[in-house]
PDB file of all heavy atoms in Angstrom:
ATOM      1  N   TRP A   1       0.818  -1.155  -0.008  1.00  0.00           N
ATOM      2  CA  TRP A   1       0.023   0.016   0.111  1.00  0.00           C
ATOM      3  C   TRP A   1       0.769   1.374   0.065  1.00  0.00           C
ATOM      4  O   TRP A   1       0.372   2.371  -0.302  1.00  0.00           O
ATOM      5  CB  TRP A   1      -0.965   0.029   1.275  1.00  0.00           C
ATOM      6  CG  TRP A   1      -0.363  -0.212   2.492  1.00  0.00           C
ATOM      7  CD1 TRP A   1      -0.229  -1.465   3.201  1.00  0.00           C
ATOM      8  CD2 TRP A   1       0.342   0.717   3.345  1.00  0.00           C
ATOM      9  NE1 TRP A   1       0.464  -1.444   4.457  1.00  0.00           N
ATOM     10  CE2 TRP A   1       0.864  -0.033   4.467  1.00  0.00           C
ATOM     11  CE3 TRP A   1       0.773   1.988   3.206  1.00  0.00           C
ATOM     12  CZ2 TRP A   1       1.571   0.671   5.507  1.00  0.00           C
ATOM     13  CZ3 TRP A   1       1.599   2.581   4.137  1.00  0.00           C
ATOM     14  CH2 TRP A   1       1.974   1.970   5.285  1.00  0.00           C
ATOM     15  N   GLY A   2       2.192   1.244   0.278  1.00  0.00           N
ATOM     16  CA  GLY A   2       2.857   2.423   0.299  1.00  0.00           C
ATOM     17  C   GLY A   2       3.116   3.188  -0.935  1.00  0.00           C
ATOM     18  O   GLY A   2       3.260   4.377  -0.932  1.00  0.00           O
ATOM     19  N   GLY A   3       2.982   2.521  -2.037  1.00  0.00           N
ATOM     20  CA  GLY A   3       3.023   3.168  -3.309  1.00  0.00           C
ATOM     21  C   GLY A   3       4.433   3.202  -3.892  1.00  0.00           C
ATOM     22  O   GLY A   3       5.378   2.872  -3.190  1.00  0.00           O
ATOM     23  N   GLU A   4       4.509   3.755  -5.051  1.00  0.00           N
ATOM     24  CA  GLU A   4       5.833   3.798  -5.773  1.00  0.00           C
ATOM     25  C   GLU A   4       6.251   5.270  -6.026  1.00  0.00           C
ATOM     26  O   GLU A   4       5.336   6.134  -6.147  1.00  0.00           O
ATOM     27  CB  GLU A   4       5.675   3.136  -7.098  1.00  0.00           C
ATOM     28  CG  GLU A   4       5.398   1.642  -7.098  1.00  0.00           C
ATOM     29  CD  GLU A   4       3.947   1.392  -6.600  1.00  0.00           C
ATOM     30  OE1 GLU A   4       3.043   1.965  -7.231  1.00  0.00           O
ATOM     31  OE2 GLU A   4       3.716   0.623  -5.681  1.00  0.00           O
ATOM     32  N   ALA A   5       7.541   5.470  -6.102  1.00  0.00           N
ATOM     33  CA  ALA A   5       8.032   6.876  -6.481  1.00  0.00           C
ATOM     34  C   ALA A   5       8.396   6.720  -7.953  1.00  0.00           C
ATOM     35  O   ALA A   5       8.758   5.718  -8.503  1.00  0.00           O
ATOM     36  CB  ALA A   5       9.218   7.237  -5.659  1.00  0.00           C
ATOM     37  N   ALA A   6       8.265   7.845  -8.624  1.00  0.00           N
ATOM     38  CA  ALA A   6       8.585   7.963 -10.042  1.00  0.00           C
ATOM     39  C   ALA A   6       9.299   9.297 -10.445  1.00  0.00           C
ATOM     40  O   ALA A   6       9.073  10.271  -9.641  1.00  0.00           O
ATOM     41  CB  ALA A   6       7.257   7.849 -10.838  1.00  0.00           C
ATOM     42  N   ASP A   7      10.210   9.203 -11.385  1.00  0.00           N
ATOM     43  CA  ASP A   7      10.850  10.491 -11.690  1.00  0.00           C
ATOM     44  C   ASP A   7      10.131  10.945 -13.064  1.00  0.00           C
ATOM     45  O   ASP A   7      10.326  10.384 -14.106  1.00  0.00           O
ATOM     46  CB  ASP A   7      12.402  10.188 -12.150  1.00  0.00           C
ATOM     47  CG  ASP A   7      13.167  11.376 -12.235  1.00  0.00           C
ATOM     48  OD1 ASP A   7      12.704  12.396 -12.714  1.00  0.00           O
ATOM     49  OD2 ASP A   7      14.332  11.259 -11.876  1.00  0.00           O
ATOM     50  N   PRO A   8       9.549  12.034 -12.909  1.00  0.00           N
ATOM     51  CA  PRO A   8       8.698  12.625 -14.036  1.00  0.00           C
ATOM     52  C   PRO A   8       9.633  13.057 -15.274  1.00  0.00           C
ATOM     53  O   PRO A   8       9.260  13.204 -16.364  1.00  0.00           O
ATOM     54  CB  PRO A   8       7.971  13.697 -13.548  1.00  0.00           C
ATOM     55  CG  PRO A   8       8.686  14.199 -12.364  1.00  0.00           C
ATOM     56  CD  PRO A   8       9.340  12.950 -11.779  1.00  0.00           C
ATOM     57  N   ARG A   9      10.949  13.241 -15.019  1.00  0.00           N
ATOM     58  CA  ARG A   9      11.984  13.621 -16.067  1.00  0.00           C
ATOM     59  C   ARG A   9      12.418  12.482 -16.785  1.00  0.00           C
ATOM     60  O   ARG A   9      12.759  12.651 -18.020  1.00  0.00           O
ATOM     61  CB  ARG A   9      12.987  14.278 -15.344  1.00  0.00           C
ATOM     62  CG  ARG A   9      12.645  15.507 -14.453  1.00  0.00           C
ATOM     63  CD  ARG A   9      13.742  15.922 -13.440  1.00  0.00           C
ATOM     64  NE  ARG A   9      14.170  14.777 -12.627  1.00  0.00           N
ATOM     65  CZ  ARG A   9      15.180  14.867 -11.687  1.00  0.00           C
ATOM     66  NH1 ARG A   9      15.812  16.111 -11.523  1.00  0.00           N
ATOM     67  NH2 ARG A   9      15.418  13.883 -10.997  1.00  0.00           N
ATOM     68  N   THR A  10      12.475  11.272 -16.155  1.00  0.00           N
ATOM     69  CA  THR A  10      13.153  10.213 -16.800  1.00  0.00           C
ATOM     70  C   THR A  10      12.209   8.948 -17.191  1.00  0.00           C
ATOM     71  O   THR A  10      12.677   8.075 -17.891  1.00  0.00           O
ATOM     72  CB  THR A  10      14.287   9.620 -15.977  1.00  0.00           C
ATOM     73  OG1 THR A  10      13.820   9.038 -14.721  1.00  0.00           O
ATOM     74  CG2 THR A  10      15.281  10.752 -15.708  1.00  0.00           C
ATOM     75  N   GLY A  11      11.137   8.988 -16.555  1.00  0.00           N
ATOM     76  CA  GLY A  11      10.199   7.773 -16.648  1.00  0.00           C
ATOM     77  C   GLY A  11      10.608   6.494 -15.796  1.00  0.00           C
ATOM     78  O   GLY A  11      10.167   5.379 -16.124  1.00  0.00           O
ATOM     79  N   VAL A  12      11.397   6.729 -14.835  1.00  0.00           N
ATOM     80  CA  VAL A  12      11.960   5.618 -13.919  1.00  0.00           C
ATOM     81  C   VAL A  12      10.982   5.410 -12.762  1.00  0.00           C
ATOM     82  O   VAL A  12      10.590   6.426 -12.193  1.00  0.00           O
ATOM     83  CB  VAL A  12      13.421   5.673 -13.474  1.00  0.00           C
ATOM     84  CG1 VAL A  12      13.776   4.508 -12.555  1.00  0.00           C
ATOM     85  CG2 VAL A  12      14.192   5.727 -14.728  1.00  0.00           C
ATOM     86  N   LEU A  13      10.534   4.126 -12.501  1.00  0.00           N
ATOM     87  CA  LEU A  13       9.646   3.862 -11.456  1.00  0.00           C
ATOM     88  C   LEU A  13      10.439   3.196 -10.391  1.00  0.00           C
ATOM     89  O   LEU A  13      11.219   2.125 -10.708  1.00  0.00           O
ATOM     90  CB  LEU A  13       8.493   2.982 -12.035  1.00  0.00           C
ATOM     91  CG  LEU A  13       7.362   2.672 -11.032  1.00  0.00           C
ATOM     92  CD1 LEU A  13       6.433   3.921 -10.818  1.00  0.00           C
ATOM     93  CD2 LEU A  13       6.452   1.471 -11.709  1.00  0.00           C
ATOM     94  N   TYR A  14      10.272   3.439  -9.183  1.00  0.00           N
ATOM     95  CA  TYR A  14      10.867   2.837  -7.956  1.00  0.00           C
ATOM     96  C   TYR A  14       9.946   2.112  -7.131  1.00  0.00           C
ATOM     97  O   TYR A  14       9.014   2.699  -6.532  1.00  0.00           O
ATOM     98  CB  TYR A  14      11.694   3.972  -7.292  1.00  0.00           C
ATOM     99  CG  TYR A  14      12.766   4.661  -7.956  1.00  0.00           C
ATOM    100  CD1 TYR A  14      12.470   5.814  -8.718  1.00  0.00           C
ATOM    101  CD2 TYR A  14      14.134   4.261  -8.142  1.00  0.00           C
ATOM    102  CE1 TYR A  14      13.237   6.646  -9.467  1.00  0.00           C
ATOM    103  CE2 TYR A  14      14.975   4.828  -8.906  1.00  0.00           C
ATOM    104  CZ  TYR A  14      14.657   6.067  -9.640  1.00  0.00           C
ATOM    105  OH  TYR A  14      15.537   6.726 -10.344  1.00  0.00           O
ATOM    106  N   ILE A  15      10.251   0.693  -6.942  1.00  0.00           N
ATOM    107  CA  ILE A  15       9.172  -0.104  -6.338  1.00  0.00           C
ATOM    108  C   ILE A  15       9.890  -0.922  -5.215  1.00  0.00           C
ATOM    109  O   ILE A  15      10.859  -1.548  -5.471  1.00  0.00           O
ATOM    110  CB  ILE A  15       8.683  -1.158  -7.408  1.00  0.00           C
ATOM    111  CG1 ILE A  15       8.323  -0.520  -8.757  1.00  0.00           C
ATOM    112  CG2 ILE A  15       7.557  -1.962  -6.805  1.00  0.00           C
ATOM    113  CD1 ILE A  15       8.160  -1.490  -9.882  1.00  0.00           C
ATOM    114  N   ASN A  16       9.277  -0.774  -4.112  1.00  0.00           N
ATOM    115  CA  ASN A  16       9.829  -1.634  -2.999  1.00  0.00           C
ATOM    116  C   ASN A  16       8.856  -2.847  -2.892  1.00  0.00           C
ATOM    117  O   ASN A  16       7.700  -2.777  -3.089  1.00  0.00           O
ATOM    118  CB  ASN A  16       9.860  -0.971  -1.651  1.00  0.00           C
ATOM    119  CG  ASN A  16       8.662  -0.331  -1.090  1.00  0.00           C
ATOM    120  OD1 ASN A  16       8.113   0.519  -1.824  1.00  0.00           O
ATOM    121  ND2 ASN A  16       8.204  -0.766  -0.024  1.00  0.00           N
ATOM    122  N   ALA A  17       9.370  -3.947  -2.511  1.00  0.00           N
ATOM    123  CA  ALA A  17       8.498  -5.179  -2.634  1.00  0.00           C
ATOM    124  C   ALA A  17       8.910  -6.187  -1.444  1.00  0.00           C
ATOM    125  O   ALA A  17       9.977  -6.211  -1.019  1.00  0.00           O
ATOM    126  CB  ALA A  17       8.726  -5.902  -3.971  1.00  0.00           C
ATOM    127  N   ASN A  18       7.727  -6.883  -1.105  1.00  0.00           N
ATOM    128  CA  ASN A  18       8.036  -8.072  -0.150  1.00  0.00           C
ATOM    129  C   ASN A  18       8.195  -9.262  -1.049  1.00  0.00           C
ATOM    130  O   ASN A  18       7.702  -9.383  -2.153  1.00  0.00           O
ATOM    131  CB  ASN A  18       6.727  -8.319   0.689  1.00  0.00           C
ATOM    132  CG  ASN A  18       6.493  -7.009   1.774  1.00  0.00           C
ATOM    133  OD1 ASN A  18       7.569  -6.615   2.228  1.00  0.00           O
ATOM    134  ND2 ASN A  18       5.361  -6.824   2.070  1.00  0.00           N
ATOM    135  N   ASP A  19       9.160 -10.163  -0.574  1.00  0.00           N
ATOM    136  CA  ASP A  19       9.361 -11.363  -1.433  1.00  0.00           C
ATOM    137  C   ASP A  19       9.495 -12.557  -0.480  1.00  0.00           C
ATOM    138  O   ASP A  19      10.587 -13.308  -0.342  1.00  0.00           O
ATOM    139  CB  ASP A  19      10.679 -11.078  -2.082  1.00  0.00           C
ATOM    140  CG  ASP A  19      10.828 -11.913  -3.415  1.00  0.00           C
ATOM    141  OD1 ASP A  19      10.024 -12.830  -3.647  1.00  0.00           O
ATOM    142  OD2 ASP A  19      11.687 -11.658  -4.255  1.00  0.00           O
ATOM    143  N   VAL A  20       8.445 -12.942   0.275  1.00  0.00           N
ATOM    144  CA  VAL A  20       8.340 -14.032   1.141  1.00  0.00           C
ATOM    145  C   VAL A  20       7.107 -14.790   0.667  1.00  0.00           C
ATOM    146  O   VAL A  20       6.223 -14.360   0.073  1.00  0.00           O
ATOM    147  CB  VAL A  20       8.262 -13.691   2.708  1.00  0.00           C
ATOM    148  CG1 VAL A  20       9.406 -12.911   3.104  1.00  0.00           C
ATOM    149  CG2 VAL A  20       7.011 -12.811   2.844  1.00  0.00           C
ATOM    150  N   ALA A  21       7.110 -16.134   1.059  1.00  0.00           N
ATOM    151  CA  ALA A  21       6.072 -17.066   0.704  1.00  0.00           C
ATOM    152  C   ALA A  21       4.984 -17.190   1.812  1.00  0.00           C
ATOM    153  O   ALA A  21       5.361 -17.187   3.069  1.00  0.00           O
ATOM    154  CB  ALA A  21       6.545 -18.413   0.362  1.00  0.00           C
ATOM    155  N   TRP A  22       3.789 -17.362   1.387  1.00  0.00           N
ATOM    156  CA  TRP A  22       2.705 -17.642   2.413  1.00  0.00           C
ATOM    157  C   TRP A  22       2.029 -18.830   1.774  1.00  0.00           C
ATOM    158  O   TRP A  22       2.228 -19.331   0.621  1.00  0.00           O
ATOM    159  CB  TRP A  22       1.801 -16.434   2.481  1.00  0.00           C
ATOM    160  CG  TRP A  22       2.122 -15.218   3.088  1.00  0.00           C
ATOM    161  CD1 TRP A  22       3.182 -14.569   2.650  1.00  0.00           C
ATOM    162  CD2 TRP A  22       1.534 -14.577   4.046  1.00  0.00           C
ATOM    163  NE1 TRP A  22       3.307 -13.328   3.407  1.00  0.00           N
ATOM    164  CE2 TRP A  22       2.376 -13.327   4.287  1.00  0.00           C
ATOM    165  CE3 TRP A  22       0.553 -14.693   4.875  1.00  0.00           C
ATOM    166  CZ2 TRP A  22       2.078 -12.444   5.250  1.00  0.00           C
ATOM    167  CZ3 TRP A  22       0.157 -13.694   5.925  1.00  0.00           C
ATOM    168  CH2 TRP A  22       1.047 -12.671   6.154  1.00  0.00           C
ATOM    169  N   THR A  23       1.120 -19.537   2.660  1.00  0.00           N
ATOM    170  CA  THR A  23       0.340 -20.565   2.011  1.00  0.00           C
ATOM    171  C   THR A  23      -1.168 -20.328   2.546  1.00  0.00           C
ATOM    172  O   THR A  23      -1.398 -19.685   3.551  1.00  0.00           O
ATOM    173  CB  THR A  23       0.765 -21.949   2.676  1.00  0.00           C
ATOM    174  OG1 THR A  23       0.607 -22.061   4.160  1.00  0.00           O
ATOM    175  CG2 THR A  23       2.237 -22.258   2.214  1.00  0.00           C
ATOM    176  N   GLY A  24      -2.123 -21.040   1.833  1.00  0.00           N
ATOM    177  CA  GLY A  24      -3.327 -21.064   2.205  1.00  0.00           C
ATOM    178  C   GLY A  24      -4.139 -22.244   1.555  1.00  0.00           C
ATOM    179  O   GLY A  24      -3.560 -23.021   0.689  1.00  0.00           O
ATOM    180  N   GLY A  25      -5.340 -22.516   2.095  1.00  0.00           N
ATOM    181  CA  GLY A  25      -6.087 -23.670   1.475  1.00  0.00           C
ATOM    182  C   GLY A  25      -7.618 -23.475   1.884  1.00  0.00           C
ATOM    183  O   GLY A  25      -7.969 -22.496   2.415  1.00  0.00           O
ATOM    184  N   LEU A  26      -8.352 -24.449   1.477  1.00  0.00           N
ATOM    185  CA  LEU A  26      -9.715 -24.444   1.818  1.00  0.00           C
ATOM    186  C   LEU A  26     -10.106 -25.708   2.699  1.00  0.00           C
ATOM    187  O   LEU A  26      -9.316 -26.717   2.624  1.00  0.00           O
ATOM    188  CB  LEU A  26     -10.586 -24.428   0.536  1.00  0.00           C
ATOM    189  CG  LEU A  26     -10.520 -23.339  -0.345  1.00  0.00           C
ATOM    190  CD1 LEU A  26     -11.246 -23.561  -1.763  1.00  0.00           C
ATOM    191  CD2 LEU A  26     -11.030 -22.062   0.343  1.00  0.00           C
ATOM    192  N   THR A  27     -11.251 -25.730   3.470  1.00  0.00           N
ATOM    193  CA  THR A  27     -11.633 -26.774   4.164  1.00  0.00           C
ATOM    194  C   THR A  27     -13.214 -26.755   4.105  1.00  0.00           C
ATOM    195  O   THR A  27     -13.824 -25.670   4.038  1.00  0.00           O
ATOM    196  CB  THR A  27     -11.134 -26.772   5.571  1.00  0.00           C
ATOM    197  OG1 THR A  27     -11.353 -28.150   6.126  1.00  0.00           O
ATOM    198  CG2 THR A  27     -11.657 -25.830   6.371  1.00  0.00           C
ATOM    199  N   ALA A  28     -13.827 -27.889   4.255  1.00  0.00           N
ATOM    200  CA  ALA A  28     -15.232 -27.884   4.269  1.00  0.00           C
ATOM    201  C   ALA A  28     -15.806 -27.228   5.568  1.00  0.00           C
ATOM    202  O   ALA A  28     -15.180 -27.511   6.571  1.00  0.00           O
ATOM    203  CB  ALA A  28     -15.831 -29.389   4.275  1.00  0.00           C
ATOM    204  N   VAL A  29     -16.919 -26.604   5.428  1.00  0.00           N
ATOM    205  CA  VAL A  29     -17.680 -26.158   6.545  1.00  0.00           C
ATOM    206  C   VAL A  29     -18.263 -27.108   7.344  1.00  0.00           C
ATOM    207  O   VAL A  29     -19.063 -28.032   6.700  1.00  0.00           O
ATOM    208  CB  VAL A  29     -18.721 -25.016   6.136  1.00  0.00           C
ATOM    209  CG1 VAL A  29     -19.433 -24.502   7.282  1.00  0.00           C
ATOM    210  CG2 VAL A  29     -18.065 -23.773   5.314  1.00  0.00           C
ATOM    211  N   LYS A  30     -17.938 -27.259   8.551  1.00  0.00           N
ATOM    212  CA  LYS A  30     -18.485 -28.414   9.353  1.00  0.00           C
ATOM    213  C   LYS A  30     -19.901 -28.173   9.799  1.00  0.00           C
ATOM    214  O   LYS A  30     -20.350 -27.102  10.179  1.00  0.00           O
ATOM    215  CB  LYS A  30     -17.563 -28.602  10.613  1.00  0.00           C
ATOM    216  CG  LYS A  30     -16.120 -28.912  10.152  1.00  0.00           C
ATOM    217  CD  LYS A  30     -15.264 -29.044  11.446  1.00  0.00           C
ATOM    218  CE  LYS A  30     -13.748 -29.296  11.180  1.00  0.00           C
ATOM    219  NZ  LYS A  30     -12.970 -29.516  12.281  1.00  0.00           N
ATOM    220  N   SER A  31     -20.630 -29.175  10.028  1.00  0.00           N
ATOM    221  CA  SER A  31     -21.956 -29.210  10.550  1.00  0.00           C
ATOM    222  C   SER A  31     -21.982 -29.355  12.094  1.00  0.00           C
ATOM    223  O   SER A  31     -21.023 -30.039  12.694  1.00  0.00           O
ATOM    224  CB  SER A  31     -22.844 -30.253   9.971  1.00  0.00           C
ATOM    225  OG  SER A  31     -22.325 -31.602  10.197  1.00  0.00           O
ATOM    226  N   GLY A  32     -22.891 -28.889  12.834  1.00  0.00           N
ATOM    227  CA  GLY A  32     -22.909 -29.106  14.237  1.00  0.00           C
ATOM    228  C   GLY A  32     -22.181 -28.132  15.185  1.00  0.00           C
ATOM    229  O   GLY A  32     -21.878 -28.288  16.306  1.00  0.00           O
ATOM    230  N   GLU A  33     -21.540 -27.090  14.432  1.00  0.00           N
ATOM    231  CA  GLU A  33     -20.864 -26.027  15.164  1.00  0.00           C
ATOM    232  C   GLU A  33     -21.842 -25.126  15.914  1.00  0.00           C
ATOM    233  O   GLU A  33     -22.929 -25.079  15.614  1.00  0.00           O
ATOM    234  CB  GLU A  33     -20.012 -25.168  14.213  1.00  0.00           C
ATOM    235  CG  GLU A  33     -18.848 -25.864  13.550  1.00  0.00           C
ATOM    236  CD  GLU A  33     -18.192 -24.941  12.567  1.00  0.00           C
ATOM    237  OE1 GLU A  33     -18.762 -23.962  12.088  1.00  0.00           O
ATOM    238  OE2 GLU A  33     -16.920 -25.142  12.445  1.00  0.00           O
TER     239      GLU A  33
END
């Protein structure tokens, strides 16, 4: 969300990035909760 900086004179874009892995998945909704 921090956004990127850019040089209007040269057209260069400066980007900071995260480069770590996450995981996720799905599971069935249980009955009787």
